[in-house]
């Protein structure tokens, strides 16, 4: 990892640990690497490369509906509720048996998610 990013990534992971979104994991059969992508504004996008996990995952035979079908269904309702776009996944708890599949490695150890992981985290 680029030495200029190590401390910032460590601080970001510490925030996720403090919020209990991730936890240290000692043993796992699944381990994915972190991918760091710098943004133009100086922040870092942190991705977990789940390609190997995805290649072993059973595909969902029920695709998401098209937006126009969803709008046809909800147009008759008087009230709507939306999840927070930034924290929405952090509100969905992971099933205990699937937590180890979200594990990733960093210089200070391996971690896994307690909540559904986002596509990326920005620090």
N, C-alpha and C. Protein backbone atom coordinates (compact mmCIF):
# COMPACT_ATOMS: atom_id res chain seq x y z
N UNK A 1 0.84 -1.18 0.00
CA UNK A 1 0.00 0.00 0.00
C UNK A 1 0.88 1.24 0.00
N UNK A 2 0.42 2.25 -0.67
CA UNK A 2 1.14 3.52 -0.71
C UNK A 2 1.33 4.03 0.72
N UNK A 3 2.56 4.29 1.15
CA UNK A 3 2.82 4.74 2.52
C UNK A 3 2.09 6.04 2.88
N UNK A 4 1.77 6.85 1.89
CA UNK A 4 1.05 8.09 2.16
C UNK A 4 -0.40 7.85 2.59
N UNK A 5 -0.94 6.67 2.29
CA UNK A 5 -2.33 6.37 2.59
C UNK A 5 -2.53 5.55 3.86
N UNK A 6 -1.49 4.90 4.33
CA UNK A 6 -1.62 3.93 5.42
C UNK A 6 -2.28 4.54 6.65
N UNK A 7 -1.79 5.68 7.11
CA UNK A 7 -2.33 6.27 8.33
C UNK A 7 -3.79 6.70 8.16
N UNK A 8 -4.14 7.26 7.00
CA UNK A 8 -5.52 7.68 6.76
C UNK A 8 -6.47 6.49 6.70
N UNK A 9 -6.03 5.41 6.08
CA UNK A 9 -6.86 4.20 6.03
C UNK A 9 -7.01 3.62 7.42
N UNK A 10 -5.93 3.60 8.20
CA UNK A 10 -6.00 3.09 9.58
C UNK A 10 -7.00 3.91 10.40
N UNK A 11 -6.97 5.24 10.27
CA UNK A 11 -7.91 6.09 11.00
C UNK A 11 -9.35 5.82 10.56
N UNK A 12 -9.55 5.62 9.28
CA UNK A 12 -10.89 5.31 8.78
C UNK A 12 -11.40 3.97 9.30
N UNK A 13 -10.52 2.97 9.31
CA UNK A 13 -10.92 1.66 9.84
C UNK A 13 -11.19 1.74 11.33
N UNK A 14 -10.43 2.57 12.04
CA UNK A 14 -10.69 2.76 13.48
C UNK A 14 -12.08 3.36 13.70
N UNK A 15 -12.51 4.26 12.82
CA UNK A 15 -13.86 4.82 12.93
C UNK A 15 -14.92 3.74 12.72
N UNK A 16 -14.68 2.87 11.74
CA UNK A 16 -15.62 1.77 11.50
C UNK A 16 -15.65 0.81 12.68
N UNK A 17 -14.48 0.58 13.31
CA UNK A 17 -14.42 -0.27 14.50
C UNK A 17 -15.18 0.36 15.65
N UNK A 18 -14.96 1.66 15.89
CA UNK A 18 -15.65 2.38 16.97
C UNK A 18 -17.17 2.34 16.79
N UNK A 19 -17.62 2.43 15.56
CA UNK A 19 -19.06 2.39 15.27
C UNK A 19 -19.60 0.96 15.28
N UNK A 20 -18.71 -0.02 15.44
CA UNK A 20 -19.03 -1.45 15.44
C UNK A 20 -19.61 -1.93 14.11
N UNK A 21 -19.21 -1.27 13.01
CA UNK A 21 -19.58 -1.73 11.69
C UNK A 21 -18.69 -2.88 11.26
N UNK A 22 -17.44 -2.92 11.76
CA UNK A 22 -16.52 -4.01 11.50
C UNK A 22 -15.97 -4.52 12.82
N UNK A 23 -15.35 -5.69 12.78
CA UNK A 23 -14.72 -6.28 13.97
C UNK A 23 -13.49 -7.07 13.53
N UNK A 24 -12.50 -7.19 14.43
CA UNK A 24 -11.32 -8.01 14.10
C UNK A 24 -11.71 -9.48 14.02
N UNK A 25 -11.13 -10.19 13.09
CA UNK A 25 -11.42 -11.61 12.94
C UNK A 25 -10.10 -12.37 12.94
N UNK A 26 -10.05 -13.48 13.67
CA UNK A 26 -8.80 -14.23 13.82
C UNK A 26 -8.64 -15.30 12.75
N UNK A 27 -9.71 -16.04 12.45
CA UNK A 27 -9.63 -17.09 11.44
C UNK A 27 -10.81 -16.96 10.48
N UNK A 28 -10.54 -17.26 9.22
CA UNK A 28 -11.59 -17.20 8.22
C UNK A 28 -11.15 -17.99 6.99
N UNK A 29 -12.11 -18.50 6.26
CA UNK A 29 -11.81 -19.17 4.99
C UNK A 29 -11.82 -18.17 3.84
N UNK A 30 -12.38 -17.00 4.07
CA UNK A 30 -12.50 -15.97 3.05
C UNK A 30 -11.67 -14.77 3.46
N UNK A 31 -10.91 -14.22 2.55
CA UNK A 31 -10.11 -13.04 2.85
C UNK A 31 -9.92 -12.25 1.56
N UNK A 32 -10.40 -11.02 1.56
CA UNK A 32 -10.34 -10.17 0.37
C UNK A 32 -9.41 -8.99 0.63
N UNK A 33 -8.74 -8.50 -0.42
CA UNK A 33 -7.83 -7.37 -0.25
C UNK A 33 -8.57 -6.03 -0.32
N UNK A 34 -7.97 -5.00 0.29
CA UNK A 34 -8.46 -3.63 0.16
C UNK A 34 -7.87 -3.02 -1.11
N UNK A 35 -8.64 -2.16 -1.75
CA UNK A 35 -8.19 -1.41 -2.91
C UNK A 35 -8.40 0.06 -2.58
N UNK A 36 -7.34 0.86 -2.68
CA UNK A 36 -7.39 2.28 -2.36
C UNK A 36 -7.37 3.08 -3.66
N UNK A 37 -8.35 3.98 -3.83
CA UNK A 37 -8.42 4.81 -5.03
C UNK A 37 -8.49 6.27 -4.58
N UNK A 38 -7.43 7.06 -4.87
CA UNK A 38 -7.46 8.48 -4.48
C UNK A 38 -8.44 9.27 -5.36
N UNK A 39 -9.16 10.21 -4.72
CA UNK A 39 -10.07 11.08 -5.46
C UNK A 39 -9.40 12.42 -5.74
N UNK A 40 -9.93 13.19 -6.66
CA UNK A 40 -9.36 14.49 -7.03
C UNK A 40 -9.37 15.47 -5.86
N UNK A 41 -10.36 15.31 -4.94
CA UNK A 41 -10.46 16.23 -3.80
C UNK A 41 -9.52 15.86 -2.65
N UNK A 42 -8.68 14.85 -2.84
CA UNK A 42 -7.71 14.45 -1.82
C UNK A 42 -8.19 13.33 -0.91
N UNK A 43 -9.48 13.01 -0.95
CA UNK A 43 -10.00 11.91 -0.13
C UNK A 43 -9.68 10.58 -0.79
N UNK A 44 -9.88 9.52 -0.04
CA UNK A 44 -9.61 8.18 -0.54
C UNK A 44 -10.89 7.36 -0.57
N UNK A 45 -11.15 6.67 -1.67
CA UNK A 45 -12.21 5.68 -1.72
C UNK A 45 -11.56 4.33 -1.41
N UNK A 46 -12.14 3.63 -0.44
CA UNK A 46 -11.62 2.34 -0.01
C UNK A 46 -12.63 1.26 -0.45
N UNK A 47 -12.18 0.35 -1.27
CA UNK A 47 -13.01 -0.75 -1.74
C UNK A 47 -12.46 -2.05 -1.18
N UNK A 48 -13.34 -3.03 -0.99
CA UNK A 48 -12.90 -4.40 -0.71
C UNK A 48 -13.14 -5.17 -2.00
N UNK A 49 -12.11 -5.83 -2.50
CA UNK A 49 -12.19 -6.55 -3.76
C UNK A 49 -12.82 -7.93 -3.52
N UNK A 50 -14.12 -8.02 -3.71
CA UNK A 50 -14.86 -9.26 -3.46
C UNK A 50 -15.04 -10.12 -4.72
N UNK A 51 -14.21 -9.92 -5.74
CA UNK A 51 -14.39 -10.68 -6.98
C UNK A 51 -14.28 -12.20 -6.78
N UNK A 52 -13.33 -12.65 -5.98
CA UNK A 52 -13.20 -14.11 -5.76
C UNK A 52 -14.41 -14.64 -4.99
N UNK A 53 -14.87 -13.88 -3.99
CA UNK A 53 -16.07 -14.29 -3.26
C UNK A 53 -17.27 -14.31 -4.20
N UNK A 54 -17.42 -13.28 -5.03
CA UNK A 54 -18.55 -13.22 -5.96
C UNK A 54 -18.55 -14.39 -6.94
N UNK A 55 -17.37 -14.85 -7.34
CA UNK A 55 -17.31 -15.97 -8.28
C UNK A 55 -17.81 -17.27 -7.65
N UNK A 56 -17.84 -17.33 -6.32
CA UNK A 56 -18.31 -18.53 -5.62
C UNK A 56 -19.74 -18.38 -5.08
N UNK A 57 -20.35 -17.24 -5.33
CA UNK A 57 -21.67 -16.94 -4.79
C UNK A 57 -22.76 -17.40 -5.75
N UNK A 58 -23.79 -18.01 -5.20
CA UNK A 58 -24.92 -18.45 -6.00
C UNK A 58 -25.68 -17.20 -6.48
N UNK A 59 -25.96 -17.15 -7.76
CA UNK A 59 -26.64 -15.99 -8.36
C UNK A 59 -28.12 -15.96 -7.98
N UNK A 60 -28.65 -14.76 -7.79
CA UNK A 60 -30.06 -14.56 -7.44
C UNK A 60 -30.91 -14.67 -8.72
N UNK A 61 -31.86 -15.62 -8.76
CA UNK A 61 -32.67 -15.77 -9.97
C UNK A 61 -33.76 -14.72 -10.10
N UNK A 62 -33.89 -13.84 -9.10
CA UNK A 62 -34.94 -12.82 -9.12
C UNK A 62 -34.30 -11.44 -9.27
N UNK A 63 -34.22 -10.92 -10.49
CA UNK A 63 -33.59 -9.61 -10.69
C UNK A 63 -34.44 -8.49 -10.09
N UNK A 64 -33.80 -7.36 -9.87
CA UNK A 64 -34.53 -6.19 -9.38
C UNK A 64 -35.53 -5.72 -10.43
N UNK A 65 -36.69 -5.20 -10.01
CA UNK A 65 -37.67 -4.73 -11.00
C UNK A 65 -37.20 -3.45 -11.68
N UNK A 66 -37.74 -3.19 -12.85
CA UNK A 66 -37.44 -1.95 -13.55
C UNK A 66 -38.07 -0.78 -12.80
N UNK A 67 -37.45 0.37 -12.87
CA UNK A 67 -37.90 1.55 -12.14
C UNK A 67 -39.33 1.93 -12.50
N UNK A 68 -39.71 1.83 -13.76
CA UNK A 68 -41.07 2.21 -14.14
C UNK A 68 -42.11 1.31 -13.48
N UNK A 69 -41.80 0.04 -13.27
CA UNK A 69 -42.72 -0.86 -12.57
C UNK A 69 -42.86 -0.46 -11.10
N UNK A 70 -41.75 -0.10 -10.47
CA UNK A 70 -41.78 0.33 -9.08
C UNK A 70 -42.61 1.61 -8.95
N UNK A 71 -42.39 2.56 -9.83
CA UNK A 71 -43.14 3.81 -9.78
C UNK A 71 -44.63 3.58 -9.99
N UNK A 72 -45.01 2.67 -10.86
CA UNK A 72 -46.43 2.35 -11.07
C UNK A 72 -47.06 1.83 -9.78
N UNK A 73 -46.30 1.09 -8.99
CA UNK A 73 -46.82 0.51 -7.75
C UNK A 73 -46.94 1.58 -6.66
N UNK A 74 -45.95 2.44 -6.52
CA UNK A 74 -45.94 3.39 -5.40
C UNK A 74 -46.71 4.68 -5.67
N UNK A 75 -47.09 4.93 -6.90
CA UNK A 75 -47.74 6.20 -7.24
C UNK A 75 -49.07 6.38 -6.51
N UNK A 76 -49.72 5.32 -6.09
CA UNK A 76 -51.02 5.41 -5.44
C UNK A 76 -50.94 5.69 -3.93
N UNK A 77 -49.75 5.74 -3.39
CA UNK A 77 -49.60 5.93 -1.95
C UNK A 77 -49.45 7.41 -1.59
N UNK A 78 -49.90 7.75 -0.38
CA UNK A 78 -49.84 9.15 0.07
C UNK A 78 -48.53 9.49 0.77
N UNK A 79 -47.86 8.51 1.34
CA UNK A 79 -46.66 8.77 2.14
C UNK A 79 -45.55 7.82 1.73
N UNK A 80 -44.31 8.34 1.76
CA UNK A 80 -43.14 7.55 1.38
C UNK A 80 -42.08 7.68 2.47
N UNK A 81 -41.24 6.69 2.58
CA UNK A 81 -40.14 6.72 3.53
C UNK A 81 -38.87 6.30 2.79
N UNK A 82 -37.77 7.01 3.07
CA UNK A 82 -36.51 6.70 2.42
C UNK A 82 -35.46 6.42 3.47
N UNK A 83 -34.57 5.48 3.17
CA UNK A 83 -33.42 5.23 4.04
C UNK A 83 -32.34 6.26 3.73
N UNK A 84 -31.54 6.55 4.70
CA UNK A 84 -30.41 7.45 4.50
C UNK A 84 -29.47 6.82 3.48
N UNK A 85 -29.23 7.51 2.36
CA UNK A 85 -28.40 6.97 1.29
C UNK A 85 -26.98 6.68 1.71
N UNK A 86 -26.45 7.43 2.67
CA UNK A 86 -25.07 7.22 3.09
C UNK A 86 -24.97 6.07 4.07
N UNK A 87 -25.88 5.98 5.01
CA UNK A 87 -25.80 4.97 6.07
C UNK A 87 -26.77 3.82 5.90
N UNK A 88 -27.46 3.73 4.76
CA UNK A 88 -28.51 2.72 4.64
C UNK A 88 -28.00 1.31 4.86
N UNK A 89 -26.86 0.94 4.26
CA UNK A 89 -26.36 -0.41 4.44
C UNK A 89 -25.90 -0.64 5.87
N UNK A 90 -25.43 0.39 6.52
CA UNK A 90 -24.96 0.25 7.90
C UNK A 90 -26.10 -0.06 8.86
N UNK A 91 -27.33 0.05 8.40
CA UNK A 91 -28.49 -0.26 9.23
C UNK A 91 -28.95 -1.70 9.07
N UNK A 92 -28.36 -2.43 8.11
CA UNK A 92 -28.75 -3.81 7.85
C UNK A 92 -27.71 -4.74 8.47
N UNK A 93 -28.12 -5.47 9.50
CA UNK A 93 -27.20 -6.38 10.19
C UNK A 93 -26.94 -7.62 9.34
N UNK A 94 -25.70 -8.10 9.41
CA UNK A 94 -25.32 -9.32 8.70
C UNK A 94 -25.75 -10.54 9.51
N UNK A 95 -26.13 -11.61 8.83
CA UNK A 95 -26.40 -12.88 9.48
C UNK A 95 -25.06 -13.42 9.98
N UNK A 96 -25.05 -13.97 11.18
CA UNK A 96 -23.80 -14.40 11.81
C UNK A 96 -22.98 -15.33 10.92
N UNK A 97 -23.63 -16.28 10.26
CA UNK A 97 -22.89 -17.26 9.43
C UNK A 97 -22.25 -16.63 8.19
N UNK A 98 -22.72 -15.45 7.79
CA UNK A 98 -22.18 -14.81 6.59
C UNK A 98 -21.15 -13.73 6.88
N UNK A 99 -20.96 -13.37 8.13
CA UNK A 99 -20.03 -12.29 8.47
C UNK A 99 -18.61 -12.59 8.02
N UNK A 100 -18.16 -13.82 8.19
CA UNK A 100 -16.77 -14.15 7.83
C UNK A 100 -16.51 -14.01 6.33
N UNK A 101 -17.56 -14.10 5.52
CA UNK A 101 -17.39 -13.95 4.08
C UNK A 101 -17.03 -12.52 3.69
N UNK A 102 -17.32 -11.57 4.57
CA UNK A 102 -17.01 -10.16 4.28
C UNK A 102 -15.63 -9.78 4.77
N UNK A 103 -14.84 -10.73 5.22
CA UNK A 103 -13.55 -10.40 5.82
C UNK A 103 -12.57 -9.85 4.79
N UNK A 104 -11.74 -8.94 5.26
CA UNK A 104 -10.72 -8.31 4.43
C UNK A 104 -9.47 -8.11 5.26
N UNK A 105 -8.37 -7.92 4.59
CA UNK A 105 -7.09 -7.83 5.28
C UNK A 105 -6.47 -6.45 5.08
N UNK A 106 -5.79 -6.01 6.12
CA UNK A 106 -5.06 -4.74 6.10
C UNK A 106 -3.77 -4.99 6.87
N UNK A 107 -2.85 -4.07 6.84
CA UNK A 107 -1.55 -4.26 7.46
C UNK A 107 -1.62 -4.63 8.94
N UNK A 108 -2.67 -4.20 9.65
CA UNK A 108 -2.77 -4.45 11.09
C UNK A 108 -3.67 -5.63 11.42
N UNK A 109 -4.13 -6.35 10.43
CA UNK A 109 -4.93 -7.53 10.72
C UNK A 109 -6.09 -7.70 9.75
N UNK A 110 -6.93 -8.67 10.10
CA UNK A 110 -8.10 -8.99 9.28
C UNK A 110 -9.35 -8.53 10.02
N UNK A 111 -10.32 -8.07 9.26
CA UNK A 111 -11.57 -7.57 9.80
C UNK A 111 -12.72 -8.15 9.00
N UNK A 112 -13.92 -8.13 9.61
CA UNK A 112 -15.14 -8.54 8.91
C UNK A 112 -16.24 -7.56 9.31
N UNK A 113 -17.28 -7.53 8.52
CA UNK A 113 -18.39 -6.62 8.75
C UNK A 113 -19.45 -7.22 9.67
N UNK A 114 -19.99 -6.40 10.57
CA UNK A 114 -21.18 -6.73 11.36
C UNK A 114 -22.44 -6.31 10.61
N UNK A 115 -22.28 -5.37 9.70
CA UNK A 115 -23.40 -4.83 8.93
C UNK A 115 -23.11 -5.02 7.45
N UNK A 116 -24.14 -4.87 6.62
CA UNK A 116 -23.92 -5.02 5.19
C UNK A 116 -22.91 -4.00 4.69
N UNK A 117 -21.83 -4.46 4.04
CA UNK A 117 -20.80 -3.51 3.60
C UNK A 117 -21.28 -2.65 2.43
N UNK A 118 -20.81 -1.42 2.42
CA UNK A 118 -21.04 -0.52 1.31
C UNK A 118 -20.15 -0.92 0.15
N UNK A 119 -20.44 -0.42 -1.04
CA UNK A 119 -19.55 -0.67 -2.18
C UNK A 119 -18.16 -0.13 -1.88
N UNK A 120 -18.10 1.05 -1.25
CA UNK A 120 -16.83 1.66 -0.88
C UNK A 120 -17.07 2.60 0.29
N UNK A 121 -15.99 2.95 0.95
CA UNK A 121 -16.01 3.90 2.05
C UNK A 121 -15.04 5.01 1.67
N UNK A 122 -15.41 6.26 1.94
CA UNK A 122 -14.55 7.39 1.63
C UNK A 122 -13.96 7.95 2.92
N UNK A 123 -12.62 8.14 2.93
CA UNK A 123 -11.94 8.74 4.08
C UNK A 123 -11.20 9.96 3.61
